[in-house]
All heavy atoms as atom14 arrays in JSON, in Angstrom:
{
  "sequence": "NMESKHSIEKQTAHFVDCFTTVSDITNNECKELLDKPADAVLMN",
  "atom14_mask": [
    [1, 1, 1, 1, 1, 1, 1, 1, 0, 0, 0, 0, 0, 0],
    [1, 1, 1, 1, 1, 1, 1, 1, 0, 0, 0, 0, 0, 0],
    [1, 1, 1, 1, 1, 1, 1, 1, 1, 0, 0, 0, 0, 0],
    [1, 1, 1, 1, 1, 1, 0, 0, 0, 0, 0, 0, 0, 0],
    [1, 1, 1, 1, 1, 1, 1, 1, 1, 0, 0, 0, 0, 0],
    [1, 1, 1, 1, 1, 1, 1, 1, 1, 1, 0, 0, 0, 0],
    [1, 1, 1, 1, 1, 1, 0, 0, 0, 0, 0, 0, 0, 0],
    [1, 1, 1, 1, 1, 1, 1, 1, 0, 0, 0, 0, 0, 0],
    [1, 1, 1, 1, 1, 1, 1, 1, 1, 0, 0, 0, 0, 0],
    [1, 1, 1, 1, 1, 1, 1, 1, 1, 0, 0, 0, 0, 0],
    [1, 1, 1, 1, 1, 1, 1, 1, 1, 0, 0, 0, 0, 0],
    [1, 1, 1, 1, 1, 1, 1, 0, 0, 0, 0, 0, 0, 0],
    [1, 1, 1, 1, 1, 0, 0, 0, 0, 0, 0, 0, 0, 0],
    [1, 1, 1, 1, 1, 1, 1, 1, 1, 1, 0, 0, 0, 0],
    [1, 1, 1, 1, 1, 1, 1, 1, 1, 1, 1, 0, 0, 0],
    [1, 1, 1, 1, 1, 1, 1, 0, 0, 0, 0, 0, 0, 0],
    [1, 1, 1, 1, 1, 1, 1, 1, 0, 0, 0, 0, 0, 0],
    [1, 1, 1, 1, 1, 1, 0, 0, 0, 0, 0, 0, 0, 0],
    [1, 1, 1, 1, 1, 1, 1, 1, 1, 1, 1, 0, 0, 0],
    [1, 1, 1, 1, 1, 1, 1, 0, 0, 0, 0, 0, 0, 0],
    [1, 1, 1, 1, 1, 1, 1, 0, 0, 0, 0, 0, 0, 0],
    [1, 1, 1, 1, 1, 1, 1, 0, 0, 0, 0, 0, 0, 0],
    [1, 1, 1, 1, 1, 1, 0, 0, 0, 0, 0, 0, 0, 0],
    [1, 1, 1, 1, 1, 1, 1, 1, 0, 0, 0, 0, 0, 0],
    [1, 1, 1, 1, 1, 1, 1, 1, 0, 0, 0, 0, 0, 0],
    [1, 1, 1, 1, 1, 1, 1, 0, 0, 0, 0, 0, 0, 0],
    [1, 1, 1, 1, 1, 1, 1, 1, 0, 0, 0, 0, 0, 0],
    [1, 1, 1, 1, 1, 1, 1, 1, 0, 0, 0, 0, 0, 0],
    [1, 1, 1, 1, 1, 1, 1, 1, 1, 0, 0, 0, 0, 0],
    [1, 1, 1, 1, 1, 1, 0, 0, 0, 0, 0, 0, 0, 0],
    [1, 1, 1, 1, 1, 1, 1, 1, 1, 0, 0, 0, 0, 0],
    [1, 1, 1, 1, 1, 1, 1, 1, 1, 0, 0, 0, 0, 0],
    [1, 1, 1, 1, 1, 1, 1, 1, 0, 0, 0, 0, 0, 0],
    [1, 1, 1, 1, 1, 1, 1, 1, 0, 0, 0, 0, 0, 0],
    [1, 1, 1, 1, 1, 1, 1, 1, 0, 0, 0, 0, 0, 0],
    [1, 1, 1, 1, 1, 1, 1, 1, 1, 0, 0, 0, 0, 0],
    [1, 1, 1, 1, 1, 1, 1, 0, 0, 0, 0, 0, 0, 0],
    [1, 1, 1, 1, 1, 0, 0, 0, 0, 0, 0, 0, 0, 0],
    [1, 1, 1, 1, 1, 1, 1, 1, 0, 0, 0, 0, 0, 0],
    [1, 1, 1, 1, 1, 0, 0, 0, 0, 0, 0, 0, 0, 0],
    [1, 1, 1, 1, 1, 1, 1, 0, 0, 0, 0, 0, 0, 0],
    [1, 1, 1, 1, 1, 1, 1, 1, 0, 0, 0, 0, 0, 0],
    [1, 1, 1, 1, 1, 1, 1, 1, 0, 0, 0, 0, 0, 0],
    [1, 1, 1, 1, 1, 1, 1, 1, 0, 0, 0, 0, 0, 0]
  ],
  "atom14_positions": [
    [[109.69, 25.7, -202.63], [108.41, 25.94, -203.3], [108.33, 25.15, -204.61], [107.85, 25.68, -205.6], [108.22, 27.45, -203.53], [106.8, 27.78, -203.73], [105.82, 27.03, -203.38], [106.48, 28.98, -204.29], [0.0, 0.0, 0.0], [0.0, 0.0, 0.0], [0.0, 0.0, 0.0], [0.0, 0.0, 0.0], [0.0, 0.0, 0.0], [0.0, 0.0, 0.0]],
    [[108.7, 23.87, -204.54], [108.7, 23.03, -205.69], [107.84, 21.8, -205.51], [108.04, 20.75, -206.12], [110.2, 22.54, -206.02], [111.07, 23.65, -206.6], [110.69, 23.95, -208.35], [111.22, 22.47, -209.03], [0.0, 0.0, 0.0], [0.0, 0.0, 0.0], [0.0, 0.0, 0.0], [0.0, 0.0, 0.0], [0.0, 0.0, 0.0], [0.0, 0.0, 0.0]],
    [[106.9, 21.87, -204.52], [106.21, 20.6, -204.12], [105.47, 19.86, -205.25], [105.58, 18.68, -205.34], [105.21, 20.95, -202.96], [105.95, 21.05, -201.65], [105.2, 21.96, -200.59], [105.04, 23.1, -200.84], [104.72, 21.35, -199.62], [0.0, 0.0, 0.0], [0.0, 0.0, 0.0], [0.0, 0.0, 0.0], [0.0, 0.0, 0.0], [0.0, 0.0, 0.0]],
    [[104.69, 20.6, -206.12], [103.97, 19.95, -207.07], [104.77, 19.32, -208.18], [104.49, 18.15, -208.56], [102.89, 20.88, -207.64], [102.0, 21.23, -206.67], [0.0, 0.0, 0.0], [0.0, 0.0, 0.0], [0.0, 0.0, 0.0], [0.0, 0.0, 0.0], [0.0, 0.0, 0.0], [0.0, 0.0, 0.0], [0.0, 0.0, 0.0], [0.0, 0.0, 0.0]],
    [[105.78, 19.99, -208.65], [106.67, 19.47, -209.76], [107.46, 18.29, -209.2], [107.55, 17.25, -209.84], [107.64, 20.54, -210.19], [106.98, 21.68, -211.05], [108.01, 22.67, -211.51], [107.29, 23.82, -212.2], [108.16, 24.86, -212.64], [0.0, 0.0, 0.0], [0.0, 0.0, 0.0], [0.0, 0.0, 0.0], [0.0, 0.0, 0.0], [0.0, 0.0, 0.0]],
    [[107.92, 18.4, -207.99], [108.61, 17.24, -207.39], [107.68, 16.07, -207.21], [108.04, 14.92, -207.46], [109.19, 17.7, -206.07], [109.84, 16.57, -205.3], [110.95, 15.88, -205.71], [109.44, 15.99, -204.05], [111.26, 14.98, -204.84], [110.38, 15.01, -203.82], [0.0, 0.0, 0.0], [0.0, 0.0, 0.0], [0.0, 0.0, 0.0], [0.0, 0.0, 0.0]],
    [[106.46, 16.29, -206.75], [105.51, 15.27, -206.48], [105.21, 14.48, -207.77], [105.17, 13.28, -207.77], [104.24, 15.86, -205.83], [103.36, 14.84, -205.57], [0.0, 0.0, 0.0], [0.0, 0.0, 0.0], [0.0, 0.0, 0.0], [0.0, 0.0, 0.0], [0.0, 0.0, 0.0], [0.0, 0.0, 0.0], [0.0, 0.0, 0.0], [0.0, 0.0, 0.0]],
    [[104.82, 15.15, -208.87], [104.47, 14.44, -210.12], [105.68, 13.68, -210.56], [105.57, 12.57, -211.02], [103.89, 15.41, -211.17], [103.43, 14.64, -212.42], [104.83, 16.54, -211.57], [102.35, 13.6, -212.24], [0.0, 0.0, 0.0], [0.0, 0.0, 0.0], [0.0, 0.0, 0.0], [0.0, 0.0, 0.0], [0.0, 0.0, 0.0], [0.0, 0.0, 0.0]],
    [[106.9, 14.22, -210.46], [108.03, 13.52, -210.94], [108.33, 12.29, -210.11], [108.55, 11.24, -210.7], [109.24, 14.49, -210.89], [110.51, 13.89, -211.45], [111.64, 14.89, -211.56], [111.89, 15.68, -210.67], [112.3, 14.91, -212.61], [0.0, 0.0, 0.0], [0.0, 0.0, 0.0], [0.0, 0.0, 0.0], [0.0, 0.0, 0.0], [0.0, 0.0, 0.0]],
    [[108.27, 12.47, -208.82], [108.55, 11.33, -207.94], [107.54, 10.21, -208.06], [107.88, 9.07, -208.15], [108.55, 11.88, -206.49], [108.94, 10.74, -205.48], [109.03, 11.28, -204.03], [109.3, 10.2, -203.04], [109.46, 10.71, -201.65], [0.0, 0.0, 0.0], [0.0, 0.0, 0.0], [0.0, 0.0, 0.0], [0.0, 0.0, 0.0], [0.0, 0.0, 0.0]],
    [[106.25, 10.56, -208.08], [105.16, 9.5, -208.12], [105.24, 8.84, -209.48], [104.97, 7.64, -209.55], [103.79, 10.12, -207.84], [103.64, 10.8, -206.45], [104.12, 9.87, -205.38], [105.22, 10.0, -204.92], [103.23, 8.98, -204.89], [0.0, 0.0, 0.0], [0.0, 0.0, 0.0], [0.0, 0.0, 0.0], [0.0, 0.0, 0.0], [0.0, 0.0, 0.0]],
    [[105.5, 9.5, -210.58], [105.6, 8.9, -211.85], [106.77, 7.9, -211.84], [106.62, 6.76, -212.38], [105.76, 9.94, -213.01], [104.74, 10.96, -212.89], [105.68, 9.34, -214.37], [0.0, 0.0, 0.0], [0.0, 0.0, 0.0], [0.0, 0.0, 0.0], [0.0, 0.0, 0.0], [0.0, 0.0, 0.0], [0.0, 0.0, 0.0], [0.0, 0.0, 0.0]],
    [[107.88, 8.31, -211.36], [109.08, 7.44, -211.26], [108.75, 6.16, -210.48], [109.13, 5.06, -210.94], [110.24, 8.19, -210.56], [0.0, 0.0, 0.0], [0.0, 0.0, 0.0], [0.0, 0.0, 0.0], [0.0, 0.0, 0.0], [0.0, 0.0, 0.0], [0.0, 0.0, 0.0], [0.0, 0.0, 0.0], [0.0, 0.0, 0.0], [0.0, 0.0, 0.0]],
    [[107.97, 6.24, -209.48], [107.52, 5.07, -208.65], [106.52, 4.2, -209.32], [106.48, 2.98, -209.06], [107.14, 5.5, -207.23], [108.28, 5.9, -206.38], [108.77, 5.1, -205.45], [109.01, 7.03, -206.23], [109.76, 5.67, -204.74], [109.92, 6.85, -205.31], [0.0, 0.0, 0.0], [0.0, 0.0, 0.0], [0.0, 0.0, 0.0], [0.0, 0.0, 0.0]],
    [[105.6, 4.8, -210.08], [104.42, 4.01, -210.57], [104.51, 3.49, -211.96], [103.72, 2.58, -212.34], [103.22, 4.77, -210.3], [102.7, 4.81, -208.93], [102.83, 5.9, -208.08], [102.07, 3.65, -208.31], [102.4, 5.93, -206.8], [101.58, 3.63, -207.01], [101.83, 4.74, -206.23], [0.0, 0.0, 0.0], [0.0, 0.0, 0.0], [0.0, 0.0, 0.0]],
    [[105.41, 3.98, -212.89], [105.42, 3.54, -214.23], [106.1, 2.18, -214.24], [106.66, 1.73, -213.22], [106.22, 4.47, -215.13], [105.45, 5.75, -215.44], [107.61, 4.79, -214.62], [0.0, 0.0, 0.0], [0.0, 0.0, 0.0], [0.0, 0.0, 0.0], [0.0, 0.0, 0.0], [0.0, 0.0, 0.0], [0.0, 0.0, 0.0], [0.0, 0.0, 0.0]],
    [[105.96, 1.47, -215.35], [106.55, 0.14, -215.56], [108.06, 0.22, -215.52], [108.71, -0.67, -214.98], [106.13, -0.48, -216.88], [104.62, -0.72, -216.87], [104.07, -1.22, -215.81], [103.92, -0.39, -217.89], [0.0, 0.0, 0.0], [0.0, 0.0, 0.0], [0.0, 0.0, 0.0], [0.0, 0.0, 0.0], [0.0, 0.0, 0.0], [0.0, 0.0, 0.0]],
    [[108.64, 1.33, -216.09], [110.08, 1.39, -216.21], [110.49, 2.82, -216.07], [110.1, 3.76, -216.81], [110.57, 0.86, -217.55], [112.38, 0.91, -217.76], [0.0, 0.0, 0.0], [0.0, 0.0, 0.0], [0.0, 0.0, 0.0], [0.0, 0.0, 0.0], [0.0, 0.0, 0.0], [0.0, 0.0, 0.0], [0.0, 0.0, 0.0], [0.0, 0.0, 0.0]],
    [[111.38, 3.07, -215.12], [111.86, 4.4, -214.86], [113.34, 4.53, -215.33], [114.17, 3.68, -214.99], [111.87, 4.78, -213.35], [112.47, 6.08, -212.99], [112.23, 7.24, -213.65], [113.41, 6.09, -211.8], [112.81, 8.43, -213.3], [113.95, 7.28, -211.47], [113.73, 8.43, -212.2], [0.0, 0.0, 0.0], [0.0, 0.0, 0.0], [0.0, 0.0, 0.0]],
    [[113.65, 5.51, -216.2], [114.95, 5.66, -216.76], [115.55, 7.1, -216.62], [114.77, 7.99, -216.44], [115.04, 5.28, -218.27], [114.52, 6.37, -219.06], [114.18, 4.06, -218.59], [0.0, 0.0, 0.0], [0.0, 0.0, 0.0], [0.0, 0.0, 0.0], [0.0, 0.0, 0.0], [0.0, 0.0, 0.0], [0.0, 0.0, 0.0], [0.0, 0.0, 0.0]],
    [[116.85, 7.16, -216.64], [117.44, 8.48, -216.74], [118.64, 8.45, -217.71], [118.89, 7.4, -218.26], [117.89, 8.96, -215.35], [118.24, 10.3, -215.4], [119.03, 8.14, -214.73], [0.0, 0.0, 0.0], [0.0, 0.0, 0.0], [0.0, 0.0, 0.0], [0.0, 0.0, 0.0], [0.0, 0.0, 0.0], [0.0, 0.0, 0.0], [0.0, 0.0, 0.0]],
    [[119.35, 9.49, -217.83], [120.28, 9.63, -219.02], [121.76, 9.58, -218.61], [122.63, 9.56, -219.47], [120.03, 10.98, -219.71], [118.68, 10.95, -220.41], [120.14, 12.2, -218.87], [0.0, 0.0, 0.0], [0.0, 0.0, 0.0], [0.0, 0.0, 0.0], [0.0, 0.0, 0.0], [0.0, 0.0, 0.0], [0.0, 0.0, 0.0], [0.0, 0.0, 0.0]],
    [[122.07, 9.48, -217.31], [123.47, 9.3, -216.94], [123.62, 8.74, -215.5], [122.62, 8.76, -214.73], [124.16, 10.66, -216.96], [123.66, 11.57, -215.94], [0.0, 0.0, 0.0], [0.0, 0.0, 0.0], [0.0, 0.0, 0.0], [0.0, 0.0, 0.0], [0.0, 0.0, 0.0], [0.0, 0.0, 0.0], [0.0, 0.0, 0.0], [0.0, 0.0, 0.0]],
    [[124.75, 8.25, -215.15], [124.93, 7.73, -213.83], [124.88, 8.82, -212.78], [124.39, 8.64, -211.65], [126.34, 7.05, -213.75], [126.34, 5.75, -214.61], [125.29, 5.07, -214.67], [127.4, 5.38, -215.14], [0.0, 0.0, 0.0], [0.0, 0.0, 0.0], [0.0, 0.0, 0.0], [0.0, 0.0, 0.0], [0.0, 0.0, 0.0], [0.0, 0.0, 0.0]],
    [[125.4, 9.98, -213.09], [125.38, 11.1, -212.15], [123.93, 11.52, -211.86], [123.58, 11.76, -210.67], [126.2, 12.3, -212.61], [126.53, 13.13, -211.39], [125.66, 13.04, -213.69], [127.77, 14.1, -211.71], [0.0, 0.0, 0.0], [0.0, 0.0, 0.0], [0.0, 0.0, 0.0], [0.0, 0.0, 0.0], [0.0, 0.0, 0.0], [0.0, 0.0, 0.0]],
    [[123.01, 11.51, -212.89], [121.62, 11.88, -212.68], [121.0, 10.74, -211.86], [120.03, 10.96, -211.1], [120.93, 12.16, -214.02], [121.76, 13.03, -214.78], [119.56, 12.75, -213.72], [0.0, 0.0, 0.0], [0.0, 0.0, 0.0], [0.0, 0.0, 0.0], [0.0, 0.0, 0.0], [0.0, 0.0, 0.0], [0.0, 0.0, 0.0], [0.0, 0.0, 0.0]],
    [[121.4, 9.51, -212.12], [120.81, 8.37, -211.42], [121.12, 8.52, -209.88], [120.22, 8.13, -209.07], [121.32, 7.07, -211.98], [120.56, 5.88, -211.42], [119.44, 5.97, -211.12], [121.17, 4.72, -211.44], [0.0, 0.0, 0.0], [0.0, 0.0, 0.0], [0.0, 0.0, 0.0], [0.0, 0.0, 0.0], [0.0, 0.0, 0.0], [0.0, 0.0, 0.0]],
    [[122.23, 9.03, -209.49], [122.5, 9.29, -208.08], [121.52, 10.33, -207.56], [121.04, 10.17, -206.45], [123.93, 9.86, -207.9], [124.98, 8.77, -208.15], [124.69, 7.55, -208.01], [126.25, 9.16, -208.53], [0.0, 0.0, 0.0], [0.0, 0.0, 0.0], [0.0, 0.0, 0.0], [0.0, 0.0, 0.0], [0.0, 0.0, 0.0], [0.0, 0.0, 0.0]],
    [[121.27, 11.32, -208.33], [120.24, 12.35, -207.96], [118.86, 11.63, -207.73], [118.18, 11.94, -206.74], [120.09, 13.28, -209.15], [120.24, 14.75, -208.8], [120.16, 15.64, -210.0], [121.14, 15.66, -210.84], [119.13, 16.29, -210.16], [0.0, 0.0, 0.0], [0.0, 0.0, 0.0], [0.0, 0.0, 0.0], [0.0, 0.0, 0.0], [0.0, 0.0, 0.0]],
    [[118.51, 10.78, -208.62], [117.18, 10.1, -208.58], [117.05, 9.24, -207.33], [116.03, 9.32, -206.6], [116.9, 9.24, -209.77], [116.82, 10.13, -211.39], [0.0, 0.0, 0.0], [0.0, 0.0, 0.0], [0.0, 0.0, 0.0], [0.0, 0.0, 0.0], [0.0, 0.0, 0.0], [0.0, 0.0, 0.0], [0.0, 0.0, 0.0], [0.0, 0.0, 0.0]],
    [[118.16, 8.55, -206.97], [118.25, 7.7, -205.77], [117.96, 8.52, -204.6], [117.19, 8.13, -203.69], [119.63, 6.99, -205.69], [119.6, 5.54, -206.32], [121.0, 4.88, -206.05], [121.89, 5.15, -207.23], [123.13, 4.35, -207.27], [0.0, 0.0, 0.0], [0.0, 0.0, 0.0], [0.0, 0.0, 0.0], [0.0, 0.0, 0.0], [0.0, 0.0, 0.0]],
    [[118.72, 9.62, -204.49], [118.7, 10.39, -203.24], [117.39, 11.3, -203.18], [116.86, 11.46, -202.1], [119.91, 11.34, -203.25], [121.15, 10.57, -202.96], [121.25, 9.88, -201.62], [120.61, 10.37, -200.61], [121.95, 8.87, -201.49], [0.0, 0.0, 0.0], [0.0, 0.0, 0.0], [0.0, 0.0, 0.0], [0.0, 0.0, 0.0], [0.0, 0.0, 0.0]],
    [[116.96, 11.91, -204.26], [115.99, 12.95, -204.22], [114.53, 12.44, -204.6], [113.54, 12.96, -204.13], [116.35, 14.08, -205.17], [117.64, 14.84, -204.82], [118.02, 15.86, -205.94], [117.66, 15.45, -203.45], [0.0, 0.0, 0.0], [0.0, 0.0, 0.0], [0.0, 0.0, 0.0], [0.0, 0.0, 0.0], [0.0, 0.0, 0.0], [0.0, 0.0, 0.0]],
    [[114.5, 11.34, -205.34], [113.21, 10.77, -205.71], [112.98, 9.42, -204.95], [111.95, 8.8, -205.1], [113.1, 10.53, -207.23], [113.31, 11.7, -208.15], [113.17, 11.32, -209.62], [112.25, 12.83, -207.82], [0.0, 0.0, 0.0], [0.0, 0.0, 0.0], [0.0, 0.0, 0.0], [0.0, 0.0, 0.0], [0.0, 0.0, 0.0], [0.0, 0.0, 0.0]],
    [[113.98, 9.0, -204.2], [113.94, 7.64, -203.47], [113.69, 6.51, -204.4], [112.96, 5.63, -204.09], [112.85, 7.75, -202.38], [113.08, 8.86, -201.38], [114.25, 9.09, -201.05], [112.12, 9.46, -200.86], [0.0, 0.0, 0.0], [0.0, 0.0, 0.0], [0.0, 0.0, 0.0], [0.0, 0.0, 0.0], [0.0, 0.0, 0.0], [0.0, 0.0, 0.0]],
    [[114.21, 6.64, -205.61], [114.03, 5.56, -206.57], [115.13, 5.58, -207.59], [115.28, 6.54, -208.37], [112.68, 5.68, -207.28], [112.41, 4.83, -208.5], [111.84, 3.51, -208.07], [111.34, 2.73, -209.25], [112.41, 2.02, -210.07], [0.0, 0.0, 0.0], [0.0, 0.0, 0.0], [0.0, 0.0, 0.0], [0.0, 0.0, 0.0], [0.0, 0.0, 0.0]],
    [[116.03, 4.56, -207.57], [117.06, 4.52, -208.65], [116.38, 4.18, -210.01], [115.34, 3.51, -209.96], [117.99, 3.43, -208.19], [117.23, 2.58, -207.31], [116.11, 3.45, -206.7], [0.0, 0.0, 0.0], [0.0, 0.0, 0.0], [0.0, 0.0, 0.0], [0.0, 0.0, 0.0], [0.0, 0.0, 0.0], [0.0, 0.0, 0.0], [0.0, 0.0, 0.0]],
    [[117.01, 4.55, -211.09], [116.46, 4.26, -212.41], [116.53, 2.75, -212.7], [117.47, 2.09, -212.12], [117.21, 4.98, -213.43], [0.0, 0.0, 0.0], [0.0, 0.0, 0.0], [0.0, 0.0, 0.0], [0.0, 0.0, 0.0], [0.0, 0.0, 0.0], [0.0, 0.0, 0.0], [0.0, 0.0, 0.0], [0.0, 0.0, 0.0], [0.0, 0.0, 0.0]],
    [[115.53, 2.22, -213.36], [115.64, 0.77, -213.73], [116.62, 0.56, -214.83], [117.17, -0.57, -214.95], [114.2, 0.4, -214.22], [113.13, 0.48, -213.14], [113.37, -0.1, -212.03], [112.11, 1.12, -213.35], [0.0, 0.0, 0.0], [0.0, 0.0, 0.0], [0.0, 0.0, 0.0], [0.0, 0.0, 0.0], [0.0, 0.0, 0.0], [0.0, 0.0, 0.0]],
    [[116.85, 1.6, -215.62], [117.93, 1.52, -216.67], [118.45, 2.95, -216.96], [117.69, 3.9, -216.89], [117.25, 0.99, -217.94], [0.0, 0.0, 0.0], [0.0, 0.0, 0.0], [0.0, 0.0, 0.0], [0.0, 0.0, 0.0], [0.0, 0.0, 0.0], [0.0, 0.0, 0.0], [0.0, 0.0, 0.0], [0.0, 0.0, 0.0], [0.0, 0.0, 0.0]],
    [[119.72, 3.06, -217.15], [120.25, 4.28, -217.54], [120.46, 4.27, -219.08], [121.17, 3.45, -219.63], [121.72, 4.56, -216.9], [122.36, 5.78, -217.4], [121.55, 4.66, -215.41], [0.0, 0.0, 0.0], [0.0, 0.0, 0.0], [0.0, 0.0, 0.0], [0.0, 0.0, 0.0], [0.0, 0.0, 0.0], [0.0, 0.0, 0.0], [0.0, 0.0, 0.0]],
    [[119.8, 5.2, -219.75], [119.77, 5.3, -221.19], [120.6, 6.52, -221.66], [120.12, 7.65, -221.57], [118.4, 5.37, -221.81], [117.37, 4.31, -221.37], [116.03, 4.69, -221.9], [117.79, 2.89, -221.88], [0.0, 0.0, 0.0], [0.0, 0.0, 0.0], [0.0, 0.0, 0.0], [0.0, 0.0, 0.0], [0.0, 0.0, 0.0], [0.0, 0.0, 0.0]],
    [[121.85, 6.3, -221.97], [122.68, 7.41, -222.42], [122.11, 8.12, -223.62], [121.56, 7.42, -224.5], [124.14, 6.91, -222.67], [124.83, 6.21, -221.55], [125.19, 7.38, -220.23], [126.04, 6.28, -219.05], [0.0, 0.0, 0.0], [0.0, 0.0, 0.0], [0.0, 0.0, 0.0], [0.0, 0.0, 0.0], [0.0, 0.0, 0.0], [0.0, 0.0, 0.0]],
    [[122.28, 9.41, -223.7], [121.91, 10.16, -224.89], [122.77, 9.81, -226.02], [124.01, 9.63, -225.86], [121.94, 11.7, -224.66], [120.8, 12.17, -223.76], [119.71, 11.54, -223.84], [121.03, 13.17, -222.94], [0.0, 0.0, 0.0], [0.0, 0.0, 0.0], [0.0, 0.0, 0.0], [0.0, 0.0, 0.0], [0.0, 0.0, 0.0], [0.0, 0.0, 0.0]]
  ]
}
């Protein structure tokens, strides 16, 4: 029951100029669950 939150997150990741995340482990999550690897990993 997470369709809307997942949808806005996934579509934003696909349509912005640059998609980033904060770690390699989260990037694996993005690849698998959002079907889009980050363009850059920005460590905190």
